[in-house]
Amino acid sequence: MQAESDRRVAIVTGAGNGLGKAYAIALARRGVRVVVNDLGSEAEAVAEEIGRFGGEAFAARCSVTDEQAVPAMVADAIGRWGRIDVLINNAGILRSRGFARTELADFKALVDVNLIGAAVCSHAVWEQMRAQGHGRILMTTSEGALYPTPGAAGYAAAKLGLVGLMNSLSAEGAKLSAVSTNGTDLRL
């Protein structure tokens, strides 16, 4: 039996519905404590659903682009449960209008939420995972990154950027795992 202090902790962004909700519930059913992140009240509903079947979760209502709220969410999870083992960067938006009709503010919003938000969240957990000597960061991307549909230029650009971020973090994490200050494996 796994000791209480050894139970894994995951943050799932965009977990109020869709894939994020499915990730959060699947992790909780496996005994993982879950931070359910989303902007709306759906976050509380998912956390309550997890609690009803005996899982542990709390809702963290903040934007993944909020550079003060995201580290506070991470600190709250660490304060409650002492660790962060998994981050699933799932939060995303889609606005499809055609490039000519897309306001630049909408294009920026797509990049901010779908790409910059993942960077903000990853940055917030990175040092904790490095200090623990382990952790996993997953990115939800889309075939729209490689095979974009007409009218989704901002979405495609952000999701392909997310692939670049993911590959870069993977390479940096692998480098960290090869270098250890105390003889332990530092895989992220």
C-alpha atoms as a PDB file:
ATOM      1  CA  MET A   1       0.000   0.000   0.000  1.00  0.00           C
ATOM      2  CA  GLN A   2       1.248   3.434  -0.915  1.00  0.00           C
ATOM      3  CA  ALA A   3       2.027   5.711   2.026  1.00  0.00           C
ATOM      4  CA  GLU A   4      -0.148   8.812   2.299  1.00  0.00           C
ATOM      5  CA  SER A   5       2.870  11.063   1.753  1.00  0.00           C
ATOM      6  CA  ASP A   6       3.813   9.124  -1.391  1.00  0.00           C
ATOM      7  CA  ARG A   7       0.518   9.709  -3.209  1.00  0.00           C
ATOM      8  CA  ARG A   8       1.059  11.519  -6.465  1.00  0.00           C
ATOM      9  CA  VAL A   9      -0.250  15.027  -7.127  1.00  0.00           C
ATOM     10  CA  ALA A  10      -1.335  16.320 -10.527  1.00  0.00           C
ATOM     11  CA  ILE A  11      -2.420  19.689 -11.834  1.00  0.00           C
ATOM     12  CA  VAL A  12      -4.738  19.515 -14.825  1.00  0.00           C
ATOM     13  CA  THR A  13      -5.440  22.798 -16.605  1.00  0.00           C
ATOM     14  CA  GLY A  14      -8.658  23.284 -18.502  1.00  0.00           C
ATOM     15  CA  ALA A  15     -10.147  20.524 -16.351  1.00  0.00           C
ATOM     16  CA  GLY A  16     -13.679  21.907 -16.106  1.00  0.00           C
ATOM     17  CA  ASN A  17     -14.902  19.900 -19.089  1.00  0.00           C
ATOM     18  CA  GLY A  18     -13.843  17.853 -22.097  1.00  0.00           C
ATOM     19  CA  LEU A  19     -10.438  16.185 -22.147  1.00  0.00           C
ATOM     20  CA  GLY A  20      -9.232  18.036 -19.055  1.00  0.00           C
ATOM     21  CA  LYS A  21     -12.133  16.727 -16.997  1.00  0.00           C
ATOM     22  CA  ALA A  22     -11.524  13.218 -18.320  1.00  0.00           C
ATOM     23  CA  TYR A  23      -7.821  13.461 -17.391  1.00  0.00           C
ATOM     24  CA  ALA A  24      -8.630  14.748 -13.896  1.00  0.00           C
ATOM     25  CA  ILE A  25     -11.188  12.026 -13.172  1.00  0.00           C
ATOM     26  CA  ALA A  26      -8.994   9.249 -14.597  1.00  0.00           C
ATOM     27  CA  LEU A  27      -6.050  10.342 -12.439  1.00  0.00           C
ATOM     28  CA  ALA A  28      -8.211  10.641  -9.327  1.00  0.00           C
ATOM     29  CA  ARG A  29      -9.639   7.150  -9.882  1.00  0.00           C
ATOM     30  CA  ARG A  30      -6.039   5.917  -9.750  1.00  0.00           C
ATOM     31  CA  GLY A  31      -5.466   7.559  -6.379  1.00  0.00           C
ATOM     32  CA  VAL A  32      -3.757  10.724  -7.628  1.00  0.00           C
ATOM     33  CA  ARG A  33      -4.625  13.958  -5.832  1.00  0.00           C
ATOM     34  CA  VAL A  34      -5.787  16.472  -8.424  1.00  0.00           C
ATOM     35  CA  VAL A  35      -5.762  20.237  -8.748  1.00  0.00           C
ATOM     36  CA  VAL A  36      -8.682  20.958 -11.068  1.00  0.00           C
ATOM     37  CA  ASN A  37      -7.819  24.183 -12.875  1.00  0.00           C
ATOM     38  CA  ASP A  38     -10.304  26.106 -14.972  1.00  0.00           C
ATOM     39  CA  LEU A  39     -11.762  29.600 -15.162  1.00  0.00           C
ATOM     40  CA  GLY A  40     -15.390  28.778 -14.458  1.00  0.00           C
ATOM     41  CA  SER A  41     -17.466  27.119 -11.784  1.00  0.00           C
ATOM     42  CA  GLU A  42     -17.032  23.840 -13.665  1.00  0.00           C
ATOM     43  CA  ALA A  43     -13.747  23.432 -11.764  1.00  0.00           C
ATOM     44  CA  GLU A  44     -15.634  23.155  -8.474  1.00  0.00           C
ATOM     45  CA  ALA A  45     -18.112  20.707  -9.997  1.00  0.00           C
ATOM     46  CA  VAL A  46     -15.303  18.404 -11.184  1.00  0.00           C
ATOM     47  CA  ALA A  47     -13.517  18.607  -7.805  1.00  0.00           C
ATOM     48  CA  GLU A  48     -16.813  17.736  -6.068  1.00  0.00           C
ATOM     49  CA  GLU A  49     -17.392  14.821  -8.456  1.00  0.00           C
ATOM     50  CA  ILE A  50     -13.937  13.489  -7.607  1.00  0.00           C
ATOM     51  CA  GLY A  51     -14.695  13.847  -3.905  1.00  0.00           C
ATOM     52  CA  ARG A  52     -17.959  11.894  -4.284  1.00  0.00           C
ATOM     53  CA  PHE A  53     -16.089   8.765  -5.369  1.00  0.00           C
ATOM     54  CA  GLY A  54     -13.472   9.145  -2.635  1.00  0.00           C
ATOM     55  CA  GLY A  55     -10.777  11.003  -4.552  1.00  0.00           C
ATOM     56  CA  GLU A  56      -8.958  14.108  -3.370  1.00  0.00           C
ATOM     57  CA  ALA A  57      -9.161  17.277  -5.413  1.00  0.00           C
ATOM     58  CA  PHE A  58      -9.528  20.998  -5.130  1.00  0.00           C
ATOM     59  CA  ALA A  59     -10.588  23.586  -7.653  1.00  0.00           C
ATOM     60  CA  ALA A  60      -8.204  26.344  -8.675  1.00  0.00           C
ATOM     61  CA  ARG A  61     -10.074  28.964 -10.661  1.00  0.00           C
ATOM     62  CA  CYS A  62      -7.514  31.032 -12.498  1.00  0.00           C
ATOM     63  CA  SER A  63      -6.289  31.711 -15.980  1.00  0.00           C
ATOM     64  CA  VAL A  64      -3.220  29.793 -17.061  1.00  0.00           C
ATOM     65  CA  THR A  65      -1.904  33.114 -18.348  1.00  0.00           C
ATOM     66  CA  ASP A  66      -1.996  34.762 -14.902  1.00  0.00           C
ATOM     67  CA  GLU A  67       1.641  34.949 -13.824  1.00  0.00           C
ATOM     68  CA  GLN A  68       0.698  35.555 -10.176  1.00  0.00           C
ATOM     69  CA  ALA A  69      -2.249  33.177  -9.813  1.00  0.00           C
ATOM     70  CA  VAL A  70      -0.541  30.142 -11.373  1.00  0.00           C
ATOM     71  CA  PRO A  71       2.416  30.104  -8.947  1.00  0.00           C
ATOM     72  CA  ALA A  72      -0.094  30.629  -6.118  1.00  0.00           C
ATOM     73  CA  MET A  73      -2.044  27.580  -7.353  1.00  0.00           C
ATOM     74  CA  VAL A  74       1.177  25.540  -7.380  1.00  0.00           C
ATOM     75  CA  ALA A  75       2.112  26.784  -3.890  1.00  0.00           C
ATOM     76  CA  ASP A  76      -1.375  25.859  -2.641  1.00  0.00           C
ATOM     77  CA  ALA A  77      -0.985  22.309  -3.972  1.00  0.00           C
ATOM     78  CA  ILE A  78       2.465  21.977  -2.421  1.00  0.00           C
ATOM     79  CA  GLY A  79       1.167  23.400   0.856  1.00  0.00           C
ATOM     80  CA  ARG A  80      -1.668  20.862   0.928  1.00  0.00           C
ATOM     81  CA  TRP A  81       0.096  17.812  -0.419  1.00  0.00           C
ATOM     82  CA  GLY A  82       3.831  18.533  -0.374  1.00  0.00           C
ATOM     83  CA  ARG A  83       4.598  17.859  -4.025  1.00  0.00           C
ATOM     84  CA  ILE A  84       3.697  18.183  -7.704  1.00  0.00           C
ATOM     85  CA  ASP A  85       4.286  15.072  -9.785  1.00  0.00           C
ATOM     86  CA  VAL A  86       2.335  15.762 -12.954  1.00  0.00           C
ATOM     87  CA  LEU A  87       1.231  18.828 -14.876  1.00  0.00           C
ATOM     88  CA  ILE A  88      -1.134  18.351 -17.788  1.00  0.00           C
ATOM     89  CA  ASN A  89      -1.221  21.531 -19.865  1.00  0.00           C
ATOM     90  CA  ASN A  90      -4.648  21.075 -21.373  1.00  0.00           C
ATOM     91  CA  ALA A  91      -6.231  24.543 -21.203  1.00  0.00           C
ATOM     92  CA  GLY A  92      -6.982  25.910 -24.625  1.00  0.00           C
ATOM     93  CA  ILE A  93      -9.322  27.996 -26.701  1.00  0.00           C
ATOM     94  CA  LEU A  94     -10.330  27.922 -30.354  1.00  0.00           C
ATOM     95  CA  ARG A  95     -11.597  30.849 -32.387  1.00  0.00           C
ATOM     96  CA  SER A  96     -12.107  30.141 -36.050  1.00  0.00           C
ATOM     97  CA  ARG A  97     -13.034  33.058 -38.306  1.00  0.00           C
ATOM     98  CA  GLY A  98     -10.608  33.153 -41.163  1.00  0.00           C
ATOM     99  CA  PHE A  99      -7.373  35.090 -40.971  1.00  0.00           C
ATOM    100  CA  ALA A 100      -8.663  38.205 -42.717  1.00  0.00           C
ATOM    101  CA  ARG A 101     -11.554  38.519 -40.241  1.00  0.00           C
ATOM    102  CA  THR A 102      -9.510  37.612 -37.163  1.00  0.00           C
ATOM    103  CA  GLU A 103      -8.779  40.546 -34.920  1.00  0.00           C
ATOM    104  CA  LEU A 104      -5.168  40.603 -33.765  1.00  0.00           C
ATOM    105  CA  ALA A 105      -6.442  40.603 -30.173  1.00  0.00           C
ATOM    106  CA  ASP A 106      -8.117  37.239 -30.852  1.00  0.00           C
ATOM    107  CA  PHE A 107      -4.927  35.888 -32.436  1.00  0.00           C
ATOM    108  CA  LYS A 108      -2.952  37.002 -29.366  1.00  0.00           C
ATOM    109  CA  ALA A 109      -5.543  35.431 -27.043  1.00  0.00           C
ATOM    110  CA  LEU A 110      -5.144  32.093 -28.831  1.00  0.00           C
ATOM    111  CA  VAL A 111      -1.366  32.219 -28.481  1.00  0.00           C
ATOM    112  CA  ASP A 112      -1.594  33.427 -24.869  1.00  0.00           C
ATOM    113  CA  VAL A 113      -3.889  30.656 -23.651  1.00  0.00           C
ATOM    114  CA  ASN A 114      -2.738  27.760 -25.834  1.00  0.00           C
ATOM    115  CA  LEU A 115       1.018  28.409 -25.731  1.00  0.00           C
ATOM    116  CA  ILE A 116       2.020  31.053 -23.193  1.00  0.00           C
ATOM    117  CA  GLY A 117      -0.322  29.532 -20.590  1.00  0.00           C
ATOM    118  CA  ALA A 118       1.485  26.205 -20.924  1.00  0.00           C
ATOM    119  CA  ALA A 119       4.812  27.987 -20.478  1.00  0.00           C
ATOM    120  CA  VAL A 120       3.535  29.856 -17.389  1.00  0.00           C
ATOM    121  CA  CYS A 121       2.287  26.622 -15.796  1.00  0.00           C
ATOM    122  CA  SER A 122       5.384  24.620 -16.734  1.00  0.00           C
ATOM    123  CA  HIS A 123       7.646  27.329 -15.350  1.00  0.00           C
ATOM    124  CA  ALA A 124       5.660  27.361 -12.095  1.00  0.00           C
ATOM    125  CA  VAL A 125       6.214  23.628 -11.472  1.00  0.00           C
ATOM    126  CA  TRP A 126       9.670  23.197 -12.996  1.00  0.00           C
ATOM    127  CA  GLU A 127      11.797  24.051  -9.967  1.00  0.00           C
ATOM    128  CA  GLN A 128       9.628  21.922  -7.642  1.00  0.00           C
ATOM    129  CA  MET A 129       9.940  18.941  -9.954  1.00  0.00           C
ATOM    130  CA  ARG A 130      13.672  19.485 -10.288  1.00  0.00           C
ATOM    131  CA  ALA A 131      14.060  19.677  -6.496  1.00  0.00           C
ATOM    132  CA  GLN A 132      12.025  16.461  -6.081  1.00  0.00           C
ATOM    133  CA  GLY A 133      14.134  14.725  -8.695  1.00  0.00           C
ATOM    134  CA  HIS A 134      11.118  13.749 -10.777  1.00  0.00           C
ATOM    135  CA  GLY A 135       7.977  14.971 -12.462  1.00  0.00           C
ATOM    136  CA  ARG A 136       6.084  14.817 -15.718  1.00  0.00           C
ATOM    137  CA  ILE A 137       4.755  17.649 -17.858  1.00  0.00           C
ATOM    138  CA  LEU A 138       2.297  16.699 -20.572  1.00  0.00           C
ATOM    139  CA  MET A 139       0.944  18.941 -23.315  1.00  0.00           C
ATOM    140  CA  THR A 140      -2.399  18.583 -25.031  1.00  0.00           C
ATOM    141  CA  THR A 141      -1.885  19.626 -28.605  1.00  0.00           C
ATOM    142  CA  SER A 142      -3.796  18.947 -31.780  1.00  0.00           C
ATOM    143  CA  GLU A 143      -3.511  17.608 -35.265  1.00  0.00           C
ATOM    144  CA  GLY A 144      -4.410  21.201 -36.116  1.00  0.00           C
ATOM    145  CA  ALA A 145      -0.758  22.029 -35.425  1.00  0.00           C
ATOM    146  CA  LEU A 146       0.397  19.973 -38.411  1.00  0.00           C
ATOM    147  CA  TYR A 147      -2.753  19.833 -40.534  1.00  0.00           C
ATOM    148  CA  PRO A 148      -4.497  23.119 -39.833  1.00  0.00           C
ATOM    149  CA  THR A 149      -7.969  23.839 -41.042  1.00  0.00           C
ATOM    150  CA  PRO A 150      -8.794  27.054 -42.856  1.00  0.00           C
ATOM    151  CA  GLY A 151      -9.704  29.796 -40.443  1.00  0.00           C
ATOM    152  CA  ALA A 152      -7.604  28.559 -37.533  1.00  0.00           C
ATOM    153  CA  ALA A 153      -4.235  30.255 -38.101  1.00  0.00           C
ATOM    154  CA  GLY A 154      -3.822  31.438 -34.504  1.00  0.00           C
ATOM    155  CA  TYR A 155      -4.789  28.057 -33.092  1.00  0.00           C
ATOM    156  CA  ALA A 156      -2.446  26.207 -35.456  1.00  0.00           C
ATOM    157  CA  ALA A 157       0.445  28.562 -34.694  1.00  0.00           C
ATOM    158  CA  ALA A 158      -0.053  28.210 -30.939  1.00  0.00           C
ATOM    159  CA  LYS A 159      -0.395  24.419 -31.012  1.00  0.00           C
ATOM    160  CA  LEU A 160       2.699  23.982 -33.170  1.00  0.00           C
ATOM    161  CA  GLY A 161       4.531  26.330 -30.805  1.00  0.00           C
ATOM    162  CA  LEU A 162       3.395  24.041 -27.993  1.00  0.00           C
ATOM    163  CA  VAL A 163       5.112  21.128 -29.741  1.00  0.00           C
ATOM    164  CA  GLY A 164       8.324  23.179 -29.834  1.00  0.00           C
ATOM    165  CA  LEU A 165       7.987  24.034 -26.131  1.00  0.00           C
ATOM    166  CA  MET A 166       7.361  20.378 -25.313  1.00  0.00           C
ATOM    167  CA  ASN A 167      10.399  19.195 -27.280  1.00  0.00           C
ATOM    168  CA  SER A 168      12.634  21.817 -25.688  1.00  0.00           C
ATOM    169  CA  LEU A 169      11.494  21.001 -22.140  1.00  0.00           C
ATOM    170  CA  SER A 170      11.962  17.302 -22.870  1.00  0.00           C
ATOM    171  CA  ALA A 171      15.551  17.898 -23.970  1.00  0.00           C
ATOM    172  CA  GLU A 172      16.264  20.067 -20.936  1.00  0.00           C
ATOM    173  CA  GLY A 173      14.688  17.516 -18.595  1.00  0.00           C
ATOM    174  CA  ALA A 174      16.753  14.731 -20.155  1.00  0.00           C
ATOM    175  CA  LYS A 175      19.889  16.796 -19.628  1.00  0.00           C
ATOM    176  CA  LEU A 176      18.931  17.286 -15.979  1.00  0.00           C
ATOM    177  CA  SER A 177      18.356  13.566 -15.543  1.00  0.00           C
ATOM    178  CA  ALA A 178      21.864  12.860 -16.820  1.00  0.00           C
ATOM    179  CA  VAL A 179      23.418  15.271 -14.319  1.00  0.00           C
ATOM    180  CA  SER A 180      22.944  14.585 -10.633  1.00  0.00           C
ATOM    181  CA  THR A 181      24.394  16.440  -7.701  1.00  0.00           C
ATOM    182  CA  ASN A 182      23.815  13.664  -5.154  1.00  0.00           C
ATOM    183  CA  GLY A 183      23.925  10.487  -7.200  1.00  0.00           C
ATOM    184  CA  THR A 184      20.164  10.212  -7.677  1.00  0.00           C
ATOM    185  CA  ASP A 185      18.300  10.215 -10.936  1.00  0.00           C
ATOM    186  CA  LEU A 186      16.828  13.640 -11.672  1.00  0.00           C
ATOM    187  CA  ARG A 187      14.406  12.612 -14.404  1.00  0.00           C
ATOM    188  CA  LEU A 188      11.644  15.090 -15.016  1.00  0.00           C
END
